[in-house]
Amino acid sequence: MIIEICGGLVFGSMALLADGLHMASHAVALSINAFAYVYARRQAQNQRYSFGTGKVNTLGGYTGAILLAVFAAMMTVESVTRFLYPTDIAFNQAIFVAILGLLVNGASVFILDTDHHHDHDHDHNLKSAYLHVLADALTSLLAIFALLIGKYLGAIWMDPLMGIVGAVLVMRWSIGLLRTTSAVLLDEQTFPVRCEKIRKAIESNDDHRVVDLHVWSIGGGACAGIVSVVSINPQPPNHYKILIEKIIKLEHLSIEVNPFEKPNNTASAN
């Protein structure tokens, strides 16, 4: 990170400087991710958190996504400035530093290759860290490409252009991660297909009606649920719990069962 920032300033490469600054923003973001893991683990048994500390990791991922978006905006502004006011570039030195950055970032991507070890959809904190180093590797690759084109074809404008391309890709990743993490943080209804299966399973008996149903993520791949049932022939809550567990595993499940009460149609005499 330090070598690329210094190299970008000394050698005049916007692509190299953007890659170094990219790493700097990610160093802060990954520090947030690490803090989130430590805090979530230490506070796992704290009774203040009604549904555990799973959302701490999601919050870490959300914060990292915001930093990605801020950095993408900074990259865009600086790249446009370089378009308007080009600077001389020491291509050989800049290419060497960019290759070094690619090797380091490639190793980081390999270490955090969550496709084989973790579920991206559940661990948003780890997904944020993975996307950070993947974005770093991509910007390193773009920097090398831009510098090679500039050196051999004289297209110096490719250097700031790659800064803009990298910013657009980073912004797309940021928006995607913001959507998934904010859905968890705002308790968005999840698994609509499974929710419908739960409703059908309970209402397969005409005596039962589901009047309220909520299933949402509480972070770390765990979900909670609230189900309210009205029935002519009410069953114990465990009866409905067994039906639900055949469809989805919920760490926290609240079941409310109410007897059906016929409306009073007796008209009052005047």
C-alpha atoms as a PDB file:
ATOM      1  CA  MET A   1       0.000   0.000   0.000  1.00  0.00           C
ATOM      2  CA  ILE A   2       2.690   2.481   1.041  1.00  0.00           C
ATOM      3  CA  ILE A   3       4.938   1.538  -1.888  1.00  0.00           C
ATOM      4  CA  GLU A   4       2.120   2.015  -4.409  1.00  0.00           C
ATOM      5  CA  ILE A   5       1.043   5.382  -2.987  1.00  0.00           C
ATOM      6  CA  CYS A   6       4.613   6.680  -2.964  1.00  0.00           C
ATOM      7  CA  GLY A   7       5.261   5.138  -6.376  1.00  0.00           C
ATOM      8  CA  GLY A   8       2.147   6.734  -7.856  1.00  0.00           C
ATOM      9  CA  LEU A   9       3.194  10.162  -6.570  1.00  0.00           C
ATOM     10  CA  VAL A  10       6.850   9.859  -7.587  1.00  0.00           C
ATOM     11  CA  PHE A  11       6.304   8.151 -10.958  1.00  0.00           C
ATOM     12  CA  GLY A  12       3.196  10.181 -11.909  1.00  0.00           C
ATOM     13  CA  SER A  13       0.799   7.257 -12.423  1.00  0.00           C
ATOM     14  CA  MET A  14      -2.840   7.818 -11.529  1.00  0.00           C
ATOM     15  CA  ALA A  15      -3.602   4.108 -11.953  1.00  0.00           C
ATOM     16  CA  LEU A  16      -0.827   3.207  -9.510  1.00  0.00           C
ATOM     17  CA  LEU A  17      -1.822   5.939  -7.046  1.00  0.00           C
ATOM     18  CA  ALA A  18      -5.465   4.827  -7.226  1.00  0.00           C
ATOM     19  CA  ASP A  19      -4.428   1.260  -6.486  1.00  0.00           C
ATOM     20  CA  GLY A  20      -2.432   2.364  -3.443  1.00  0.00           C
ATOM     21  CA  LEU A  21      -5.220   4.584  -2.131  1.00  0.00           C
ATOM     22  CA  HIS A  22      -7.609   1.733  -2.755  1.00  0.00           C
ATOM     23  CA  MET A  23      -5.521  -0.445  -0.478  1.00  0.00           C
ATOM     24  CA  ALA A  24      -5.419   2.326   2.125  1.00  0.00           C
ATOM     25  CA  SER A  25      -9.207   2.530   2.285  1.00  0.00           C
ATOM     26  CA  HIS A  26      -9.376  -1.247   2.518  1.00  0.00           C
ATOM     27  CA  ALA A  27      -6.827  -1.369   5.315  1.00  0.00           C
ATOM     28  CA  VAL A  28      -9.250   0.757   7.329  1.00  0.00           C
ATOM     29  CA  ALA A  29     -12.248  -1.337   6.225  1.00  0.00           C
ATOM     30  CA  LEU A  30     -10.543  -4.632   7.048  1.00  0.00           C
ATOM     31  CA  SER A  31      -9.639  -3.253  10.462  1.00  0.00           C
ATOM     32  CA  ILE A  32     -13.353  -2.626  10.973  1.00  0.00           C
ATOM     33  CA  ASN A  33     -14.091  -6.198   9.855  1.00  0.00           C
ATOM     34  CA  ALA A  34     -11.549  -7.594  12.313  1.00  0.00           C
ATOM     35  CA  PHE A  35     -12.961  -5.491  15.157  1.00  0.00           C
ATOM     36  CA  ALA A  36     -16.471  -6.724  14.310  1.00  0.00           C
ATOM     37  CA  TYR A  37     -15.388 -10.368  14.611  1.00  0.00           C
ATOM     38  CA  VAL A  38     -13.610  -9.801  17.913  1.00  0.00           C
ATOM     39  CA  TYR A  39     -16.498  -7.813  19.375  1.00  0.00           C
ATOM     40  CA  ALA A  40     -19.136 -10.301  18.201  1.00  0.00           C
ATOM     41  CA  ARG A  41     -17.209 -13.203  19.723  1.00  0.00           C
ATOM     42  CA  ARG A  42     -16.614 -11.492  23.057  1.00  0.00           C
ATOM     43  CA  GLN A  43     -20.219 -10.320  23.359  1.00  0.00           C
ATOM     44  CA  ALA A  44     -21.816 -13.533  22.090  1.00  0.00           C
ATOM     45  CA  GLN A  45     -23.259 -14.393  25.529  1.00  0.00           C
ATOM     46  CA  ASN A  46     -24.219 -10.832  26.442  1.00  0.00           C
ATOM     47  CA  GLN A  47     -27.925 -10.807  27.349  1.00  0.00           C
ATOM     48  CA  ARG A  48     -28.287  -7.238  26.113  1.00  0.00           C
ATOM     49  CA  TYR A  49     -28.399  -8.583  22.568  1.00  0.00           C
ATOM     50  CA  SER A  50     -31.793 -10.255  22.216  1.00  0.00           C
ATOM     51  CA  PHE A  51     -30.841 -12.249  19.125  1.00  0.00           C
ATOM     52  CA  GLY A  52     -27.088 -12.536  19.621  1.00  0.00           C
ATOM     53  CA  THR A  53     -24.314 -10.557  17.942  1.00  0.00           C
ATOM     54  CA  GLY A  54     -24.674 -11.881  14.394  1.00  0.00           C
ATOM     55  CA  LYS A  55     -25.580  -8.444  13.060  1.00  0.00           C
ATOM     56  CA  VAL A  56     -22.299  -6.984  14.295  1.00  0.00           C
ATOM     57  CA  ASN A  57     -20.560  -8.717  11.398  1.00  0.00           C
ATOM     58  CA  THR A  58     -23.243  -7.466   9.017  1.00  0.00           C
ATOM     59  CA  LEU A  59     -22.720  -3.943  10.319  1.00  0.00           C
ATOM     60  CA  GLY A  60     -18.996  -4.346   9.662  1.00  0.00           C
ATOM     61  CA  GLY A  61     -19.743  -5.370   6.087  1.00  0.00           C
ATOM     62  CA  TYR A  62     -22.105  -2.413   5.662  1.00  0.00           C
ATOM     63  CA  THR A  63     -19.468   0.015   6.920  1.00  0.00           C
ATOM     64  CA  GLY A  64     -16.886  -1.480   4.586  1.00  0.00           C
ATOM     65  CA  ALA A  65     -19.281  -1.060   1.651  1.00  0.00           C
ATOM     66  CA  ILE A  66     -19.705   2.637   2.465  1.00  0.00           C
ATOM     67  CA  LEU A  67     -15.928   3.072   2.478  1.00  0.00           C
ATOM     68  CA  LEU A  68     -15.776   1.375  -0.919  1.00  0.00           C
ATOM     69  CA  ALA A  69     -18.326   3.859  -2.289  1.00  0.00           C
ATOM     70  CA  VAL A  70     -16.452   6.856  -0.866  1.00  0.00           C
ATOM     71  CA  PHE A  71     -13.192   5.652  -2.331  1.00  0.00           C
ATOM     72  CA  ALA A  72     -14.790   5.063  -5.757  1.00  0.00           C
ATOM     73  CA  ALA A  73     -15.956   8.686  -5.761  1.00  0.00           C
ATOM     74  CA  MET A  74     -12.434   9.876  -4.843  1.00  0.00           C
ATOM     75  CA  MET A  75     -10.923   7.763  -7.620  1.00  0.00           C
ATOM     76  CA  THR A  76     -13.313   9.280 -10.156  1.00  0.00           C
ATOM     77  CA  VAL A  77     -12.542  12.877  -9.173  1.00  0.00           C
ATOM     78  CA  GLU A  78      -8.775  12.346  -9.262  1.00  0.00           C
ATOM     79  CA  SER A  79      -8.917  10.480 -12.598  1.00  0.00           C
ATOM     80  CA  VAL A  80     -10.950  13.254 -14.254  1.00  0.00           C
ATOM     81  CA  THR A  81      -8.402  15.758 -12.958  1.00  0.00           C
ATOM     82  CA  ARG A  82      -5.602  13.733 -14.589  1.00  0.00           C
ATOM     83  CA  PHE A  83      -7.543  13.741 -17.858  1.00  0.00           C
ATOM     84  CA  LEU A  84      -7.648  17.529 -17.803  1.00  0.00           C
ATOM     85  CA  TYR A  85      -4.095  17.990 -16.512  1.00  0.00           C
ATOM     86  CA  PRO A  86      -1.895  15.074 -17.721  1.00  0.00           C
ATOM     87  CA  THR A  87       1.407  14.373 -15.966  1.00  0.00           C
ATOM     88  CA  ASP A  88       4.573  12.583 -17.085  1.00  0.00           C
ATOM     89  CA  ILE A  89       4.781   8.918 -16.057  1.00  0.00           C
ATOM     90  CA  ALA A  90       7.895   6.827 -15.289  1.00  0.00           C
ATOM     91  CA  PHE A  91       6.439   3.693 -16.877  1.00  0.00           C
ATOM     92  CA  ASN A  92       9.075   1.064 -16.060  1.00  0.00           C
ATOM     93  CA  GLN A  93       9.167   1.822 -12.350  1.00  0.00           C
ATOM     94  CA  ALA A  94       5.378   2.172 -12.128  1.00  0.00           C
ATOM     95  CA  ILE A  95       4.796  -1.165 -13.909  1.00  0.00           C
ATOM     96  CA  PHE A  96       7.199  -2.936 -11.532  1.00  0.00           C
ATOM     97  CA  VAL A  97       5.385  -1.593  -8.470  1.00  0.00           C
ATOM     98  CA  ALA A  98       1.971  -2.458  -9.973  1.00  0.00           C
ATOM     99  CA  ILE A  99       3.065  -6.063 -10.578  1.00  0.00           C
ATOM    100  CA  LEU A 100       4.264  -6.287  -6.987  1.00  0.00           C
ATOM    101  CA  GLY A 101       0.863  -5.030  -5.829  1.00  0.00           C
ATOM    102  CA  LEU A 102      -0.923  -7.613  -7.983  1.00  0.00           C
ATOM    103  CA  LEU A 103       1.084 -10.450  -6.439  1.00  0.00           C
ATOM    104  CA  VAL A 104       0.293  -9.313  -2.898  1.00  0.00           C
ATOM    105  CA  ASN A 105      -3.401  -8.824  -3.648  1.00  0.00           C
ATOM    106  CA  GLY A 106      -3.613 -12.137  -5.476  1.00  0.00           C
ATOM    107  CA  ALA A 107      -2.271 -13.908  -2.390  1.00  0.00           C
ATOM    108  CA  SER A 108      -4.851 -12.114  -0.238  1.00  0.00           C
ATOM    109  CA  VAL A 109      -7.693 -13.185  -2.547  1.00  0.00           C
ATOM    110  CA  PHE A 110      -6.494 -16.794  -2.324  1.00  0.00           C
ATOM    111  CA  ILE A 111      -6.468 -16.645   1.481  1.00  0.00           C
ATOM    112  CA  LEU A 112      -9.989 -15.198   1.636  1.00  0.00           C
ATOM    113  CA  ASP A 113     -11.404 -17.396  -1.133  1.00  0.00           C
ATOM    114  CA  THR A 114     -14.758 -17.820   0.550  1.00  0.00           C
ATOM    115  CA  ASP A 115     -16.249 -19.624  -2.446  1.00  0.00           C
ATOM    116  CA  HIS A 116     -14.714 -22.807  -1.042  1.00  0.00           C
ATOM    117  CA  HIS A 117     -14.809 -22.219   2.693  1.00  0.00           C
ATOM    118  CA  HIS A 118     -17.700 -19.922   3.588  1.00  0.00           C
ATOM    119  CA  ASP A 119     -21.149 -18.844   2.481  1.00  0.00           C
ATOM    120  CA  HIS A 120     -21.065 -15.324   1.039  1.00  0.00           C
ATOM    121  CA  ASP A 121     -24.792 -14.819   1.559  1.00  0.00           C
ATOM    122  CA  HIS A 122     -24.566 -15.422   5.304  1.00  0.00           C
ATOM    123  CA  ASP A 123     -21.281 -13.873   6.426  1.00  0.00           C
ATOM    124  CA  HIS A 124     -21.472 -10.308   5.145  1.00  0.00           C
ATOM    125  CA  ASN A 125     -18.412  -9.240   7.106  1.00  0.00           C
ATOM    126  CA  LEU A 126     -16.242 -11.862   5.413  1.00  0.00           C
ATOM    127  CA  LYS A 127     -17.819 -11.071   2.051  1.00  0.00           C
ATOM    128  CA  SER A 128     -16.880  -7.428   2.536  1.00  0.00           C
ATOM    129  CA  ALA A 129     -13.261  -8.386   3.280  1.00  0.00           C
ATOM    130  CA  TYR A 130     -13.163 -10.715   0.262  1.00  0.00           C
ATOM    131  CA  LEU A 131     -14.547  -8.040  -2.079  1.00  0.00           C
ATOM    132  CA  HIS A 132     -12.048  -5.510  -0.751  1.00  0.00           C
ATOM    133  CA  VAL A 133      -8.999  -7.618  -1.650  1.00  0.00           C
ATOM    134  CA  LEU A 134     -10.612  -8.755  -4.916  1.00  0.00           C
ATOM    135  CA  ALA A 135     -11.145  -5.107  -5.869  1.00  0.00           C
ATOM    136  CA  ASP A 136      -7.523  -4.408  -4.941  1.00  0.00           C
ATOM    137  CA  ALA A 137      -6.325  -7.193  -7.222  1.00  0.00           C
ATOM    138  CA  LEU A 138      -8.503  -5.880 -10.052  1.00  0.00           C
ATOM    139  CA  THR A 139      -7.232  -2.312  -9.740  1.00  0.00           C
ATOM    140  CA  SER A 140      -3.653  -3.630  -9.731  1.00  0.00           C
ATOM    141  CA  LEU A 141      -4.386  -5.527 -12.951  1.00  0.00           C
ATOM    142  CA  LEU A 142      -5.989  -2.447 -14.526  1.00  0.00           C
ATOM    143  CA  ALA A 143      -2.999  -0.338 -13.497  1.00  0.00           C
ATOM    144  CA  ILE A 144      -0.600  -2.740 -15.229  1.00  0.00           C
ATOM    145  CA  PHE A 145      -2.742  -2.779 -18.379  1.00  0.00           C
ATOM    146  CA  ALA A 146      -2.985   1.031 -18.521  1.00  0.00           C
ATOM    147  CA  LEU A 147       0.738   1.505 -17.952  1.00  0.00           C
ATOM    148  CA  LEU A 148       1.658  -1.004 -20.667  1.00  0.00           C
ATOM    149  CA  ILE A 149      -0.645   0.697 -23.184  1.00  0.00           C
ATOM    150  CA  GLY A 150       0.736   4.078 -22.219  1.00  0.00           C
ATOM    151  CA  LYS A 151       4.351   2.939 -22.530  1.00  0.00           C
ATOM    152  CA  TYR A 152       4.151   1.094 -25.855  1.00  0.00           C
ATOM    153  CA  LEU A 153       1.343   2.977 -27.634  1.00  0.00           C
ATOM    154  CA  GLY A 154       1.794   6.425 -26.131  1.00  0.00           C
ATOM    155  CA  ALA A 155      -1.809   6.527 -24.905  1.00  0.00           C
ATOM    156  CA  ILE A 156      -1.162   8.308 -21.614  1.00  0.00           C
ATOM    157  CA  TRP A 157      -4.899   8.941 -21.249  1.00  0.00           C
ATOM    158  CA  MET A 158      -5.325   5.203 -20.564  1.00  0.00           C
ATOM    159  CA  ASP A 159      -3.819   5.739 -17.113  1.00  0.00           C
ATOM    160  CA  PRO A 160      -6.643   7.967 -15.756  1.00  0.00           C
ATOM    161  CA  LEU A 161      -9.208   5.997 -17.772  1.00  0.00           C
ATOM    162  CA  MET A 162      -8.339   2.838 -15.862  1.00  0.00           C
ATOM    163  CA  GLY A 163      -8.827   4.806 -12.667  1.00  0.00           C
ATOM    164  CA  ILE A 164     -12.400   5.565 -13.750  1.00  0.00           C
ATOM    165  CA  VAL A 165     -13.069   1.970 -14.873  1.00  0.00           C
ATOM    166  CA  GLY A 166     -11.835   0.683 -11.537  1.00  0.00           C
ATOM    167  CA  ALA A 167     -14.024   3.203  -9.708  1.00  0.00           C
ATOM    168  CA  VAL A 168     -17.131   2.048 -11.586  1.00  0.00           C
ATOM    169  CA  LEU A 169     -16.487  -1.613 -10.778  1.00  0.00           C
ATOM    170  CA  VAL A 170     -15.802  -0.846  -7.128  1.00  0.00           C
ATOM    171  CA  MET A 171     -19.020   1.191  -6.925  1.00  0.00           C
ATOM    172  CA  ARG A 172     -21.024  -1.733  -8.338  1.00  0.00           C
ATOM    173  CA  TRP A 173     -19.633  -4.081  -5.705  1.00  0.00           C
ATOM    174  CA  SER A 174     -20.300  -1.507  -3.030  1.00  0.00           C
ATOM    175  CA  ILE A 175     -23.946  -1.080  -4.049  1.00  0.00           C
ATOM    176  CA  GLY A 176     -24.495  -4.847  -4.108  1.00  0.00           C
ATOM    177  CA  LEU A 177     -23.035  -5.291  -0.637  1.00  0.00           C
ATOM    178  CA  LEU A 178     -25.010  -2.305   0.699  1.00  0.00           C
ATOM    179  CA  ARG A 179     -28.219  -3.915  -0.523  1.00  0.00           C
ATOM    180  CA  THR A 180     -27.588  -7.286   1.114  1.00  0.00           C
ATOM    181  CA  THR A 181     -26.311  -5.898   4.414  1.00  0.00           C
ATOM    182  CA  SER A 182     -28.988  -3.215   4.743  1.00  0.00           C
ATOM    183  CA  ALA A 183     -31.661  -5.876   4.195  1.00  0.00           C
ATOM    184  CA  VAL A 184     -30.340  -7.695   7.279  1.00  0.00           C
ATOM    185  CA  LEU A 185     -29.883  -4.549   9.362  1.00  0.00           C
ATOM    186  CA  LEU A 186     -33.439  -3.396   8.568  1.00  0.00           C
ATOM    187  CA  ASP A 187     -34.969  -6.820   9.330  1.00  0.00           C
ATOM    188  CA  GLU A 188     -36.244  -7.276   5.802  1.00  0.00           C
ATOM    189  CA  GLN A 189     -38.550 -10.240   5.318  1.00  0.00           C
ATOM    190  CA  THR A 190     -36.407 -13.081   3.992  1.00  0.00           C
ATOM    191  CA  PHE A 191     -36.984 -16.386   2.169  1.00  0.00           C
ATOM    192  CA  PRO A 192     -40.417 -15.470   0.661  1.00  0.00           C
ATOM    193  CA  VAL A 193     -40.723 -18.910  -0.949  1.00  0.00           C
ATOM    194  CA  ARG A 194     -40.161 -20.676   2.366  1.00  0.00           C
ATOM    195  CA  CYS A 195     -42.561 -18.292   4.099  1.00  0.00           C
ATOM    196  CA  GLU A 196     -45.241 -19.325   1.647  1.00  0.00           C
ATOM    197  CA  LYS A 197     -44.425 -22.994   2.289  1.00  0.00           C
ATOM    198  CA  ILE A 198     -44.806 -22.395   6.035  1.00  0.00           C
ATOM    199  CA  ARG A 199     -48.185 -20.790   5.454  1.00  0.00           C
ATOM    200  CA  LYS A 200     -49.371 -23.662   3.255  1.00  0.00           C
ATOM    201  CA  ALA A 201     -48.087 -26.302   5.697  1.00  0.00           C
ATOM    202  CA  ILE A 202     -50.025 -24.800   8.588  1.00  0.00           C
ATOM    203  CA  GLU A 203     -53.129 -24.046   6.547  1.00  0.00           C
ATOM    204  CA  SER A 204     -53.221 -27.518   4.987  1.00  0.00           C
ATOM    205  CA  ASN A 205     -55.698 -28.177   7.762  1.00  0.00           C
ATOM    206  CA  ASP A 206     -58.774 -26.034   7.088  1.00  0.00           C
ATOM    207  CA  ASP A 207     -59.117 -25.420  10.825  1.00  0.00           C
ATOM    208  CA  HIS A 208     -55.973 -23.242  10.856  1.00  0.00           C
ATOM    209  CA  ARG A 209     -55.189 -19.816   9.435  1.00  0.00           C
ATOM    210  CA  VAL A 210     -51.893 -17.914   9.586  1.00  0.00           C
ATOM    211  CA  VAL A 211     -52.720 -14.292  10.377  1.00  0.00           C
ATOM    212  CA  ASP A 212     -49.184 -13.026  10.933  1.00  0.00           C
ATOM    213  CA  LEU A 213     -45.857 -14.385   9.670  1.00  0.00           C
ATOM    214  CA  HIS A 214     -42.374 -12.858   9.822  1.00  0.00           C
ATOM    215  CA  VAL A 215     -39.030 -14.495   9.049  1.00  0.00           C
ATOM    216  CA  TRP A 216     -35.899 -12.352   9.077  1.00  0.00           C
ATOM    217  CA  SER A 217     -32.125 -12.701   9.296  1.00  0.00           C
ATOM    218  CA  ILE A 218     -30.381 -11.962  12.590  1.00  0.00           C
ATOM    219  CA  GLY A 219     -26.905 -12.251  11.062  1.00  0.00           C
ATOM    220  CA  GLY A 220     -24.362 -15.020  10.778  1.00  0.00           C
ATOM    221  CA  GLY A 221     -26.701 -17.187   8.721  1.00  0.00           C
ATOM    222  CA  ALA A 222     -29.256 -17.453  11.546  1.00  0.00           C
ATOM    223  CA  CYS A 223     -32.902 -16.453  11.223  1.00  0.00           C
ATOM    224  CA  ALA A 224     -35.723 -15.665  13.605  1.00  0.00           C
ATOM    225  CA  GLY A 225     -39.443 -16.039  13.095  1.00  0.00           C
ATOM    226  CA  ILE A 226     -42.802 -14.959  14.499  1.00  0.00           C
ATOM    227  CA  VAL A 227     -45.954 -16.857  13.585  1.00  0.00           C
ATOM    228  CA  SER A 228     -49.488 -16.102  14.714  1.00  0.00           C
ATOM    229  CA  VAL A 229     -52.162 -18.751  14.100  1.00  0.00           C
ATOM    230  CA  VAL A 230     -55.935 -18.658  14.549  1.00  0.00           C
ATOM    231  CA  SER A 231     -57.685 -22.010  14.702  1.00  0.00           C
ATOM    232  CA  ILE A 232     -61.060 -23.542  15.431  1.00  0.00           C
ATOM    233  CA  ASN A 233     -59.180 -26.461  16.909  1.00  0.00           C
ATOM    234  CA  PRO A 234     -55.973 -24.953  18.395  1.00  0.00           C
ATOM    235  CA  GLN A 235     -52.938 -27.194  18.822  1.00  0.00           C
ATOM    236  CA  PRO A 236     -49.969 -26.739  21.195  1.00  0.00           C
ATOM    237  CA  PRO A 237     -47.216 -24.428  19.823  1.00  0.00           C
ATOM    238  CA  ASN A 238     -44.875 -27.403  19.446  1.00  0.00           C
ATOM    239  CA  HIS A 239     -47.225 -28.839  16.816  1.00  0.00           C
ATOM    240  CA  TYR A 240     -46.638 -25.833  14.560  1.00  0.00           C
ATOM    241  CA  LYS A 241     -42.951 -25.712  15.432  1.00  0.00           C
ATOM    242  CA  ILE A 242     -42.464 -29.227  14.055  1.00  0.00           C
ATOM    243  CA  LEU A 243     -44.199 -28.229  10.803  1.00  0.00           C
ATOM    244  CA  ILE A 244     -41.998 -25.134  10.437  1.00  0.00           C
ATOM    245  CA  GLU A 245     -38.727 -26.936  11.207  1.00  0.00           C
ATOM    246  CA  LYS A 246     -39.379 -29.288   8.284  1.00  0.00           C
ATOM    247  CA  ILE A 247     -39.143 -26.218   6.021  1.00  0.00           C
ATOM    248  CA  ILE A 248     -36.580 -23.927   7.634  1.00  0.00           C
ATOM    249  CA  LYS A 249     -34.399 -23.928  10.740  1.00  0.00           C
ATOM    250  CA  LEU A 250     -35.019 -20.876  12.918  1.00  0.00           C
ATOM    251  CA  GLU A 251     -32.786 -20.018  15.867  1.00  0.00           C
ATOM    252  CA  HIS A 252     -35.496 -17.948  17.534  1.00  0.00           C
ATOM    253  CA  LEU A 253     -39.116 -18.855  16.915  1.00  0.00           C
ATOM    254  CA  SER A 254     -42.167 -17.351  18.611  1.00  0.00           C
ATOM    255  CA  ILE A 255     -45.554 -18.978  17.999  1.00  0.00           C
ATOM    256  CA  GLU A 256     -48.851 -17.456  19.054  1.00  0.00           C
ATOM    257  CA  VAL A 257     -51.982 -19.602  18.889  1.00  0.00           C
ATOM    258  CA  ASN A 258     -55.438 -18.065  19.289  1.00  0.00           C
ATOM    259  CA  PRO A 259     -58.836 -19.793  19.225  1.00  0.00           C
ATOM    260  CA  PHE A 260     -61.200 -18.675  16.518  1.00  0.00           C
ATOM    261  CA  GLU A 261     -64.053 -16.623  17.887  1.00  0.00           C
ATOM    262  CA  LYS A 262     -67.213 -16.291  15.859  1.00  0.00           C
ATOM    263  CA  PRO A 263     -68.427 -12.726  15.495  1.00  0.00           C
ATOM    264  CA  ASN A 264     -71.491 -11.821  17.539  1.00  0.00           C
ATOM    265  CA  ASN A 265     -74.264 -11.191  15.024  1.00  0.00           C
ATOM    266  CA  THR A 266     -76.993 -10.600  17.580  1.00  0.00           C
ATOM    267  CA  ALA A 267     -78.611  -7.283  16.821  1.00  0.00           C
ATOM    268  CA  SER A 268     -79.386  -5.059  19.734  1.00  0.00           C
ATOM    269  CA  ALA A 269     -83.038  -4.207  20.179  1.00  0.00           C
ATOM    270  CA  ASN A 270     -84.066  -0.568  19.991  1.00  0.00           C
END
